[in-house]
N, C-alpha and C. Protein backbone atom coordinates (compact mmCIF):
# COMPACT_ATOMS: atom_id res chain seq x y z
N MET A 1 31.60 14.89 -55.44
CA MET A 1 31.97 13.91 -54.44
C MET A 1 33.05 14.51 -53.55
N PHE A 2 32.92 14.35 -52.27
CA PHE A 2 33.87 14.92 -51.33
C PHE A 2 34.79 13.85 -50.78
N TYR A 3 36.06 14.09 -50.87
CA TYR A 3 37.05 13.19 -50.28
C TYR A 3 37.96 14.03 -49.40
N ASN A 4 38.28 13.55 -48.24
CA ASN A 4 39.35 14.18 -47.48
C ASN A 4 40.55 13.26 -47.53
N SER A 5 41.67 13.69 -46.99
CA SER A 5 42.89 12.88 -47.11
C SER A 5 42.74 11.53 -46.42
N ASP A 6 42.00 11.48 -45.30
CA ASP A 6 41.80 10.20 -44.60
C ASP A 6 40.97 9.24 -45.43
N SER A 7 39.88 9.74 -46.03
CA SER A 7 39.03 8.83 -46.82
C SER A 7 39.75 8.39 -48.09
N ARG A 8 40.55 9.26 -48.69
CA ARG A 8 41.30 8.88 -49.89
C ARG A 8 42.30 7.77 -49.54
N LYS A 9 42.99 7.89 -48.39
CA LYS A 9 43.93 6.85 -47.96
C LYS A 9 43.19 5.55 -47.68
N SER A 10 42.04 5.64 -47.05
CA SER A 10 41.25 4.44 -46.76
C SER A 10 40.83 3.74 -48.04
N LEU A 11 40.42 4.50 -49.04
CA LEU A 11 40.04 3.90 -50.33
C LEU A 11 41.24 3.27 -51.01
N GLU A 12 42.38 3.91 -50.91
CA GLU A 12 43.60 3.34 -51.50
C GLU A 12 43.97 2.04 -50.79
N ASP A 13 43.86 2.02 -49.46
CA ASP A 13 44.14 0.80 -48.70
C ASP A 13 43.16 -0.31 -49.07
N LEU A 14 41.89 0.05 -49.23
CA LEU A 14 40.88 -0.93 -49.61
C LEU A 14 41.17 -1.50 -50.99
N LYS A 15 41.49 -0.65 -51.94
CA LYS A 15 41.82 -1.10 -53.29
C LYS A 15 43.04 -2.02 -53.27
N LYS A 16 44.04 -1.67 -52.46
CA LYS A 16 45.24 -2.51 -52.36
C LYS A 16 44.88 -3.89 -51.79
N ALA A 17 44.01 -3.93 -50.79
CA ALA A 17 43.59 -5.21 -50.20
C ALA A 17 42.84 -6.05 -51.22
N PHE A 18 41.96 -5.43 -52.00
CA PHE A 18 41.24 -6.16 -53.04
C PHE A 18 42.20 -6.69 -54.09
N ASP A 19 43.12 -5.84 -54.53
CA ASP A 19 44.09 -6.26 -55.55
C ASP A 19 44.94 -7.43 -55.06
N THR A 20 45.36 -7.38 -53.80
CA THR A 20 46.17 -8.46 -53.22
C THR A 20 45.36 -9.76 -53.19
N SER A 21 44.08 -9.67 -52.83
CA SER A 21 43.22 -10.86 -52.78
C SER A 21 43.02 -11.47 -54.16
N LEU A 22 43.01 -10.63 -55.18
CA LEU A 22 42.89 -11.14 -56.55
C LEU A 22 44.19 -11.82 -56.97
N GLU A 23 45.31 -11.20 -56.62
CA GLU A 23 46.61 -11.76 -57.00
C GLU A 23 46.85 -13.12 -56.34
N ASP A 24 46.49 -13.25 -55.05
CA ASP A 24 46.72 -14.53 -54.37
C ASP A 24 45.54 -15.50 -54.56
N GLU A 25 44.62 -15.13 -55.44
CA GLU A 25 43.48 -15.96 -55.82
C GLU A 25 42.54 -16.31 -54.67
N THR A 26 42.42 -15.38 -53.72
CA THR A 26 41.41 -15.55 -52.68
C THR A 26 40.03 -15.58 -53.31
N TRP A 27 39.83 -14.74 -54.31
CA TRP A 27 38.63 -14.75 -55.12
C TRP A 27 38.96 -14.30 -56.53
N PRO A 28 38.13 -14.70 -57.52
CA PRO A 28 38.43 -14.32 -58.91
C PRO A 28 38.07 -12.88 -59.22
N GLY A 29 37.10 -12.32 -58.50
CA GLY A 29 36.70 -10.96 -58.75
C GLY A 29 35.58 -10.54 -57.83
N MET A 30 35.31 -9.25 -57.81
CA MET A 30 34.23 -8.73 -56.97
C MET A 30 33.82 -7.36 -57.45
N VAL A 31 32.62 -6.97 -57.08
CA VAL A 31 32.12 -5.63 -57.33
C VAL A 31 31.71 -5.08 -55.98
N THR A 32 32.16 -3.87 -55.68
CA THR A 32 31.82 -3.26 -54.39
C THR A 32 31.28 -1.85 -54.63
N THR A 33 30.38 -1.46 -53.78
CA THR A 33 29.83 -0.11 -53.83
C THR A 33 29.46 0.32 -52.41
N THR A 34 29.62 1.58 -52.15
CA THR A 34 29.26 2.10 -50.84
C THR A 34 28.87 3.57 -50.96
N THR A 35 28.11 4.03 -50.01
CA THR A 35 27.72 5.43 -49.94
C THR A 35 27.50 5.78 -48.47
N ASN A 36 27.36 7.05 -48.18
CA ASN A 36 27.04 7.44 -46.81
C ASN A 36 25.56 7.78 -46.71
N LYS A 37 25.07 8.05 -45.50
CA LYS A 37 23.64 8.27 -45.29
C LYS A 37 23.09 9.44 -46.09
N ILE A 38 23.88 10.49 -46.22
CA ILE A 38 23.37 11.67 -46.93
C ILE A 38 23.73 11.65 -48.42
N ARG A 39 24.34 10.57 -48.86
CA ARG A 39 24.68 10.34 -50.27
C ARG A 39 25.59 11.41 -50.86
N SER A 40 26.41 11.98 -50.02
CA SER A 40 27.39 12.94 -50.54
C SER A 40 28.66 12.23 -50.97
N PHE A 41 28.74 10.96 -50.66
CA PHE A 41 29.90 10.14 -51.02
C PHE A 41 29.40 8.86 -51.68
N HIS A 42 30.02 8.49 -52.77
CA HIS A 42 29.67 7.24 -53.43
C HIS A 42 30.95 6.64 -54.02
N TYR A 43 31.13 5.34 -53.79
CA TYR A 43 32.28 4.63 -54.33
C TYR A 43 31.78 3.34 -54.96
N ALA A 44 32.18 3.10 -56.18
CA ALA A 44 31.82 1.86 -56.87
C ALA A 44 33.00 1.44 -57.72
N LYS A 45 33.36 0.17 -57.62
CA LYS A 45 34.54 -0.33 -58.36
C LYS A 45 34.39 -1.82 -58.58
N ALA A 46 34.79 -2.27 -59.74
CA ALA A 46 34.81 -3.70 -60.07
C ALA A 46 36.27 -4.15 -60.11
N PHE A 47 36.54 -5.32 -59.56
CA PHE A 47 37.88 -5.89 -59.52
C PHE A 47 37.85 -7.28 -60.11
N GLY A 48 38.87 -7.64 -60.87
CA GLY A 48 39.03 -9.01 -61.33
C GLY A 48 38.27 -9.33 -62.60
N ASN A 49 38.14 -10.64 -62.84
CA ASN A 49 37.54 -11.14 -64.07
C ASN A 49 36.32 -12.00 -63.78
N ASP A 50 35.47 -12.10 -64.78
CA ASP A 50 34.27 -12.91 -64.69
C ASP A 50 34.63 -14.35 -65.05
N ASP A 51 34.70 -15.22 -64.06
CA ASP A 51 35.04 -16.63 -64.30
C ASP A 51 33.92 -17.40 -64.98
N CYS A 52 32.73 -16.82 -65.06
CA CYS A 52 31.61 -17.52 -65.67
C CYS A 52 31.55 -17.34 -67.18
N THR A 53 32.45 -16.55 -67.73
CA THR A 53 32.48 -16.37 -69.18
C THR A 53 33.71 -17.07 -69.73
N SER A 54 33.61 -17.56 -70.95
CA SER A 54 34.73 -18.31 -71.54
C SER A 54 35.96 -17.43 -71.77
N ASP A 55 35.74 -16.14 -71.99
CA ASP A 55 36.89 -15.26 -72.24
C ASP A 55 37.37 -14.53 -70.99
N ARG A 56 36.78 -14.84 -69.84
CA ARG A 56 37.16 -14.24 -68.55
C ARG A 56 37.31 -12.72 -68.67
N ARG A 57 36.29 -12.09 -69.25
CA ARG A 57 36.36 -10.64 -69.42
C ARG A 57 36.35 -9.94 -68.06
N PRO A 58 36.91 -8.74 -68.00
CA PRO A 58 36.94 -8.01 -66.73
C PRO A 58 35.53 -7.75 -66.21
N LEU A 59 35.38 -7.83 -64.89
CA LEU A 59 34.10 -7.51 -64.29
C LEU A 59 33.81 -6.02 -64.45
N ALA A 60 32.54 -5.70 -64.53
CA ALA A 60 32.09 -4.31 -64.58
C ALA A 60 31.15 -4.08 -63.40
N ILE A 61 30.91 -2.85 -63.08
CA ILE A 61 29.99 -2.55 -61.98
C ILE A 61 28.62 -3.14 -62.25
N SER A 62 28.25 -3.26 -63.51
CA SER A 62 26.94 -3.81 -63.88
C SER A 62 26.94 -5.33 -63.99
N SER A 63 28.07 -5.99 -63.72
CA SER A 63 28.14 -7.45 -63.83
C SER A 63 27.18 -8.12 -62.85
N ILE A 64 26.60 -9.22 -63.29
CA ILE A 64 25.73 -10.03 -62.43
C ILE A 64 26.60 -11.11 -61.80
N ILE A 65 26.55 -11.18 -60.47
CA ILE A 65 27.38 -12.13 -59.73
C ILE A 65 26.46 -13.01 -58.90
N VAL A 66 26.70 -14.30 -58.93
CA VAL A 66 25.91 -15.24 -58.16
C VAL A 66 26.29 -15.11 -56.68
N LEU A 67 25.29 -14.90 -55.85
CA LEU A 67 25.52 -14.84 -54.40
C LEU A 67 25.20 -16.21 -53.83
N THR A 68 26.21 -16.91 -53.40
CA THR A 68 25.99 -18.25 -52.86
C THR A 68 25.78 -18.14 -51.35
N SER A 69 26.71 -18.51 -50.58
CA SER A 69 26.54 -18.49 -49.12
C SER A 69 26.67 -17.11 -48.51
N ILE A 70 26.82 -16.10 -49.32
CA ILE A 70 26.94 -14.74 -48.78
C ILE A 70 25.64 -14.31 -48.10
N SER A 71 24.52 -14.93 -48.46
CA SER A 71 23.25 -14.54 -47.85
C SER A 71 23.26 -14.78 -46.34
N LYS A 72 24.00 -15.78 -45.88
CA LYS A 72 24.09 -16.04 -44.44
C LYS A 72 24.78 -14.88 -43.74
N LEU A 73 25.83 -14.36 -44.35
CA LEU A 73 26.55 -13.22 -43.78
C LEU A 73 25.65 -12.00 -43.73
N LEU A 74 24.95 -11.72 -44.82
CA LEU A 74 24.08 -10.55 -44.87
C LEU A 74 22.94 -10.66 -43.86
N THR A 75 22.37 -11.85 -43.72
CA THR A 75 21.31 -12.07 -42.75
C THR A 75 21.83 -11.87 -41.33
N SER A 76 23.02 -12.35 -41.05
CA SER A 76 23.61 -12.18 -39.72
C SER A 76 23.85 -10.70 -39.41
N ILE A 77 24.35 -9.97 -40.38
CA ILE A 77 24.58 -8.53 -40.18
C ILE A 77 23.26 -7.82 -39.91
N ALA A 78 22.24 -8.14 -40.71
CA ALA A 78 20.93 -7.50 -40.52
C ALA A 78 20.37 -7.82 -39.14
N ALA A 79 20.49 -9.07 -38.71
CA ALA A 79 19.98 -9.47 -37.39
C ALA A 79 20.72 -8.73 -36.27
N LEU A 80 22.03 -8.62 -36.40
CA LEU A 80 22.80 -7.92 -35.36
C LEU A 80 22.51 -6.42 -35.35
N GLN A 81 22.15 -5.86 -36.50
CA GLN A 81 21.74 -4.46 -36.53
C GLN A 81 20.42 -4.27 -35.79
N LEU A 82 19.51 -5.25 -35.91
CA LEU A 82 18.26 -5.18 -35.16
C LEU A 82 18.51 -5.27 -33.66
N VAL A 83 19.47 -6.11 -33.27
CA VAL A 83 19.85 -6.20 -31.86
C VAL A 83 20.44 -4.88 -31.40
N GLU A 84 21.33 -4.32 -32.20
CA GLU A 84 21.98 -3.05 -31.86
C GLU A 84 20.95 -1.93 -31.67
N LYS A 85 19.89 -1.94 -32.49
CA LYS A 85 18.84 -0.91 -32.40
C LYS A 85 17.79 -1.25 -31.35
N ARG A 86 18.00 -2.38 -30.67
CA ARG A 86 17.13 -2.84 -29.59
C ARG A 86 15.70 -3.19 -30.05
N PHE A 87 15.55 -3.61 -31.31
CA PHE A 87 14.27 -4.10 -31.78
C PHE A 87 14.04 -5.52 -31.29
N VAL A 88 15.10 -6.30 -31.18
CA VAL A 88 15.07 -7.67 -30.66
C VAL A 88 16.34 -7.88 -29.85
N ASP A 89 16.36 -8.97 -29.09
CA ASP A 89 17.63 -9.35 -28.46
C ASP A 89 17.99 -10.74 -28.96
N LEU A 90 19.14 -11.21 -28.59
CA LEU A 90 19.61 -12.49 -29.12
C LEU A 90 18.78 -13.68 -28.66
N LYS A 91 17.95 -13.49 -27.64
CA LYS A 91 17.12 -14.58 -27.14
C LYS A 91 15.67 -14.50 -27.65
N THR A 92 15.36 -13.52 -28.48
CA THR A 92 14.01 -13.34 -29.00
C THR A 92 13.63 -14.50 -29.93
N ASP A 93 12.43 -15.06 -29.70
CA ASP A 93 11.90 -16.09 -30.59
C ASP A 93 11.32 -15.38 -31.81
N LEU A 94 11.96 -15.55 -32.94
CA LEU A 94 11.57 -14.83 -34.15
C LEU A 94 10.35 -15.42 -34.84
N SER A 95 9.88 -16.57 -34.41
CA SER A 95 8.73 -17.20 -35.08
C SER A 95 7.47 -16.35 -34.97
N SER A 96 7.36 -15.53 -33.92
CA SER A 96 6.19 -14.64 -33.83
C SER A 96 6.31 -13.45 -34.78
N LEU A 97 7.53 -13.07 -35.11
CA LEU A 97 7.77 -11.95 -36.02
C LEU A 97 7.81 -12.40 -37.47
N ILE A 98 8.32 -13.63 -37.69
CA ILE A 98 8.42 -14.19 -39.05
C ILE A 98 7.82 -15.59 -39.00
N PRO A 99 6.50 -15.69 -39.18
CA PRO A 99 5.81 -16.98 -39.02
C PRO A 99 6.38 -18.12 -39.87
N THR A 100 6.96 -17.83 -41.00
CA THR A 100 7.50 -18.93 -41.83
C THR A 100 8.66 -19.63 -41.15
N LEU A 101 9.29 -18.99 -40.18
CA LEU A 101 10.36 -19.64 -39.42
C LEU A 101 9.83 -20.70 -38.46
N ALA A 102 8.55 -20.58 -38.10
CA ALA A 102 7.95 -21.53 -37.16
C ALA A 102 7.69 -22.88 -37.81
N SER A 103 7.62 -22.91 -39.11
CA SER A 103 7.32 -24.16 -39.84
C SER A 103 8.44 -25.15 -39.75
């Protein structure tokens, strides 16, 4: 895995932000992972505790986490990536592309 000083500082800043969010109880825990296009970089880390267990054991990278309203965020990001790549624009009627939306 290749790290330069800028990416190492960015990861440290990210970890600090996650730790702060756990301390101020913004969320009980999270699992994050990222990689680059050529897969020469990979980062995976679990933060916090599993609130769904009686013993609140620490989260692991393999922990199963319920995704509630996060799907709206992911869908929005995916849609905006399609706009960015000029596959659609914000005024495109998606019912012709995804017929189940027309129902």
